N, C-alpha and C. Protein backbone atom coordinates (compact mmCIF):
# COMPACT_ATOMS: atom_id res chain seq x y z
N MET A 1 0.85 -1.17 0.00
CA MET A 1 0.00 0.00 0.00
C MET A 1 0.90 1.23 0.00
N SER A 2 0.54 2.21 -0.80
CA SER A 2 1.34 3.43 -0.90
C SER A 2 1.02 4.39 0.24
N VAL A 3 1.87 5.39 0.37
CA VAL A 3 1.70 6.42 1.40
C VAL A 3 0.35 7.11 1.22
N ILE A 4 0.04 7.53 0.00
CA ILE A 4 -1.20 8.27 -0.21
C ILE A 4 -2.42 7.38 0.04
N ASP A 5 -2.35 6.11 -0.37
CA ASP A 5 -3.47 5.20 -0.14
C ASP A 5 -3.74 5.05 1.36
N ASN A 6 -2.68 5.02 2.14
CA ASN A 6 -2.81 4.91 3.58
C ASN A 6 -3.57 6.09 4.17
N VAL A 7 -3.27 7.28 3.71
CA VAL A 7 -3.94 8.48 4.22
C VAL A 7 -5.36 8.59 3.66
N VAL A 8 -5.55 8.18 2.42
CA VAL A 8 -6.90 8.19 1.83
C VAL A 8 -7.84 7.32 2.66
N VAL A 9 -7.38 6.15 3.07
CA VAL A 9 -8.21 5.27 3.90
C VAL A 9 -8.58 5.98 5.20
N ALA A 10 -7.63 6.66 5.82
CA ALA A 10 -7.92 7.39 7.06
C ALA A 10 -8.94 8.50 6.83
N VAL A 11 -8.79 9.22 5.72
CA VAL A 11 -9.73 10.31 5.41
C VAL A 11 -11.13 9.74 5.18
N LEU A 12 -11.23 8.68 4.41
CA LEU A 12 -12.54 8.08 4.14
C LEU A 12 -13.18 7.53 5.42
N TYR A 13 -12.38 6.89 6.25
CA TYR A 13 -12.90 6.31 7.49
C TYR A 13 -13.35 7.38 8.48
N GLY A 14 -12.64 8.48 8.52
CA GLY A 14 -12.93 9.51 9.50
C GLY A 14 -13.91 10.58 9.06
N ASN A 15 -14.31 10.57 7.80
CA ASN A 15 -15.19 11.61 7.28
C ASN A 15 -16.26 11.01 6.40
N ALA A 16 -17.36 10.62 6.98
CA ALA A 16 -18.43 9.96 6.24
C ALA A 16 -19.01 10.85 5.15
N ASP A 17 -18.90 12.15 5.30
CA ASP A 17 -19.48 13.07 4.33
C ASP A 17 -18.47 13.56 3.28
N ILE A 18 -17.35 12.84 3.10
CA ILE A 18 -16.30 13.27 2.19
C ILE A 18 -16.77 13.31 0.74
N GLY A 19 -17.70 12.46 0.36
CA GLY A 19 -18.28 12.53 -0.98
C GLY A 19 -17.74 11.51 -1.96
N SER A 20 -16.42 11.45 -2.13
CA SER A 20 -15.86 10.51 -3.09
C SER A 20 -14.39 10.24 -2.77
N VAL A 21 -13.88 9.20 -3.40
CA VAL A 21 -12.47 8.87 -3.23
C VAL A 21 -11.60 9.98 -3.81
N ALA A 22 -12.06 10.60 -4.89
CA ALA A 22 -11.30 11.70 -5.48
C ALA A 22 -11.13 12.85 -4.49
N HIS A 23 -12.19 13.19 -3.76
CA HIS A 23 -12.09 14.25 -2.75
C HIS A 23 -11.17 13.81 -1.61
N ALA A 24 -11.25 12.54 -1.25
CA ALA A 24 -10.38 12.02 -0.19
C ALA A 24 -8.91 12.10 -0.62
N ARG A 25 -8.63 11.82 -1.89
CA ARG A 25 -7.25 11.91 -2.39
C ARG A 25 -6.74 13.35 -2.34
N LEU A 26 -7.60 14.30 -2.67
CA LEU A 26 -7.20 15.72 -2.58
C LEU A 26 -6.89 16.11 -1.15
N ASP A 27 -7.74 15.69 -0.22
CA ASP A 27 -7.49 15.97 1.20
C ASP A 27 -6.20 15.29 1.66
N ALA A 28 -6.00 14.05 1.22
CA ALA A 28 -4.80 13.31 1.61
C ALA A 28 -3.54 14.01 1.10
N LYS A 29 -3.56 14.49 -0.13
CA LYS A 29 -2.40 15.20 -0.67
C LYS A 29 -2.11 16.48 0.11
N ARG A 30 -3.17 17.19 0.48
CA ARG A 30 -2.99 18.41 1.28
C ARG A 30 -2.35 18.07 2.62
N ILE A 31 -2.84 17.01 3.25
CA ILE A 31 -2.30 16.60 4.55
C ILE A 31 -0.84 16.16 4.41
N LEU A 32 -0.55 15.37 3.37
CA LEU A 32 0.83 14.92 3.16
C LEU A 32 1.77 16.10 2.90
N GLU A 33 1.27 17.10 2.21
CA GLU A 33 2.09 18.31 2.01
C GLU A 33 2.35 18.99 3.34
N ASP A 34 1.32 19.08 4.18
CA ASP A 34 1.46 19.73 5.49
C ASP A 34 2.50 19.05 6.38
N VAL A 35 2.61 17.71 6.28
CA VAL A 35 3.56 16.99 7.15
C VAL A 35 4.89 16.70 6.46
N GLY A 36 5.06 17.23 5.23
CA GLY A 36 6.34 17.10 4.55
C GLY A 36 6.57 15.78 3.85
N LEU A 37 5.51 15.11 3.42
CA LEU A 37 5.66 13.83 2.73
C LEU A 37 5.18 13.85 1.29
N LEU A 38 5.01 15.01 0.72
CA LEU A 38 4.50 15.11 -0.64
C LEU A 38 5.44 14.45 -1.66
N ASP A 39 6.72 14.41 -1.35
CA ASP A 39 7.69 13.82 -2.28
C ASP A 39 7.71 12.29 -2.27
N VAL A 40 6.98 11.67 -1.35
CA VAL A 40 6.97 10.19 -1.28
C VAL A 40 5.55 9.61 -1.36
N VAL A 41 4.62 10.34 -1.96
CA VAL A 41 3.22 9.90 -1.96
C VAL A 41 3.01 8.54 -2.59
N ASP A 42 3.80 8.18 -3.59
CA ASP A 42 3.61 6.91 -4.29
C ASP A 42 4.51 5.79 -3.78
N GLU A 43 5.31 6.08 -2.79
CA GLU A 43 6.23 5.06 -2.24
C GLU A 43 5.47 4.03 -1.41
N PRO A 44 5.90 2.78 -1.46
CA PRO A 44 5.32 1.78 -0.54
C PRO A 44 5.82 2.05 0.89
N LEU A 45 5.04 1.65 1.86
CA LEU A 45 5.39 1.94 3.25
C LEU A 45 6.74 1.37 3.67
N GLY A 46 7.10 0.24 3.10
CA GLY A 46 8.37 -0.40 3.46
C GLY A 46 9.60 0.39 3.09
N ARG A 47 9.47 1.36 2.23
CA ARG A 47 10.62 2.17 1.82
C ARG A 47 10.79 3.45 2.63
N LEU A 48 9.89 3.70 3.54
CA LEU A 48 9.97 4.93 4.34
C LEU A 48 11.01 4.80 5.45
N THR A 49 11.65 5.92 5.76
CA THR A 49 12.53 5.96 6.92
C THR A 49 11.68 6.03 8.18
N LEU A 50 12.30 5.86 9.32
CA LEU A 50 11.57 5.94 10.58
C LEU A 50 10.91 7.30 10.75
N VAL A 51 11.62 8.36 10.42
CA VAL A 51 11.06 9.71 10.55
C VAL A 51 9.86 9.87 9.62
N GLN A 52 9.95 9.36 8.40
CA GLN A 52 8.83 9.44 7.47
C GLN A 52 7.64 8.63 7.97
N ARG A 53 7.89 7.49 8.59
CA ARG A 53 6.79 6.69 9.14
C ARG A 53 6.08 7.42 10.27
N LYS A 54 6.84 8.12 11.08
CA LYS A 54 6.23 8.91 12.16
C LYS A 54 5.39 10.04 11.58
N ARG A 55 5.89 10.66 10.52
CA ARG A 55 5.10 11.72 9.86
C ARG A 55 3.83 11.14 9.24
N LEU A 56 3.92 9.92 8.72
CA LEU A 56 2.75 9.26 8.16
C LEU A 56 1.71 9.00 9.26
N GLU A 57 2.16 8.62 10.44
CA GLU A 57 1.24 8.44 11.57
C GLU A 57 0.49 9.74 11.86
N ILE A 58 1.21 10.85 11.83
CA ILE A 58 0.58 12.16 12.05
C ILE A 58 -0.42 12.46 10.94
N ALA A 59 -0.05 12.17 9.70
CA ALA A 59 -0.94 12.40 8.56
C ALA A 59 -2.22 11.59 8.70
N ARG A 60 -2.11 10.34 9.10
CA ARG A 60 -3.31 9.51 9.29
C ARG A 60 -4.18 10.07 10.40
N ALA A 61 -3.56 10.54 11.46
CA ALA A 61 -4.34 11.13 12.56
C ALA A 61 -5.06 12.40 12.10
N LEU A 62 -4.40 13.20 11.29
CA LEU A 62 -5.04 14.42 10.77
C LEU A 62 -6.18 14.09 9.82
N GLY A 63 -6.06 12.98 9.10
CA GLY A 63 -7.11 12.57 8.18
C GLY A 63 -8.31 11.95 8.85
N ASN A 64 -8.11 11.47 10.06
CA ASN A 64 -9.17 10.79 10.80
C ASN A 64 -9.33 11.45 12.16
N PRO A 65 -10.10 12.54 12.23
CA PRO A 65 -10.24 13.26 13.50
C PRO A 65 -10.81 12.38 14.61
N THR A 66 -10.32 12.60 15.81
CA THR A 66 -10.77 11.83 16.97
C THR A 66 -12.19 12.19 17.32
N PRO A 67 -13.07 11.19 17.46
CA PRO A 67 -14.45 11.49 17.83
C PRO A 67 -14.56 11.93 19.29
N ALA A 68 -15.54 12.75 19.57
CA ALA A 68 -15.80 13.16 20.95
C ALA A 68 -16.54 12.04 21.67
N ASP A 69 -16.29 11.89 22.96
CA ASP A 69 -17.03 10.89 23.71
C ASP A 69 -18.38 11.47 24.15
N ALA A 70 -19.13 10.74 24.93
CA ALA A 70 -20.48 11.16 25.32
C ALA A 70 -20.49 12.48 26.08
N SER A 71 -19.41 12.81 26.78
CA SER A 71 -19.37 14.06 27.54
C SER A 71 -19.01 15.25 26.66
N GLY A 72 -18.64 14.99 25.39
CA GLY A 72 -18.28 16.07 24.50
C GLY A 72 -16.80 16.38 24.48
N ARG A 73 -16.02 15.71 25.36
CA ARG A 73 -14.58 15.94 25.38
C ARG A 73 -13.89 15.08 24.34
N LYS A 74 -12.76 15.56 23.86
CA LYS A 74 -11.95 14.76 22.95
C LYS A 74 -11.19 13.73 23.78
N HIS A 75 -10.95 12.56 23.20
CA HIS A 75 -10.17 11.52 23.89
C HIS A 75 -8.72 11.90 23.96
N GLY A 76 -8.05 11.47 25.00
CA GLY A 76 -6.61 11.63 25.11
C GLY A 76 -6.15 12.97 25.63
N GLY A 77 -7.02 13.87 25.97
CA GLY A 77 -6.63 15.16 26.49
C GLY A 77 -6.22 15.08 27.94
N PRO A 78 -5.63 16.14 28.46
CA PRO A 78 -5.17 16.12 29.85
C PRO A 78 -6.29 15.98 30.87
N GLU A 79 -7.51 16.32 30.49
CA GLU A 79 -8.61 16.22 31.45
C GLU A 79 -9.20 14.82 31.57
N CYS A 80 -8.68 13.87 30.78
CA CYS A 80 -9.20 12.49 30.82
C CYS A 80 -8.71 11.73 32.01
C-alpha cells in the first residue's frame, strides 16, 4: 500500500461526508504536504525511513479526527 493510499483510507474512514475517493485523495495530498511527505506519496510503506513513518502516523491522525465521547470531550486530552 502506498503512502497516499494509507492516508486516503484514514480520510474516508474519519469523514463519512467526504463525498468521493477523489475528494479524499485531494485531502490526503494536502495533509501529506502539510507533514512534509509530498515527495513520497507513491512510495510503498516499506521504503519509508523511521522519521517518514512517524510523519505518516501524524498524517493519518489528521485525516481521521478523533471522535468526541459522550461528555463532548476529545479523547486523550489532559482532562481524561
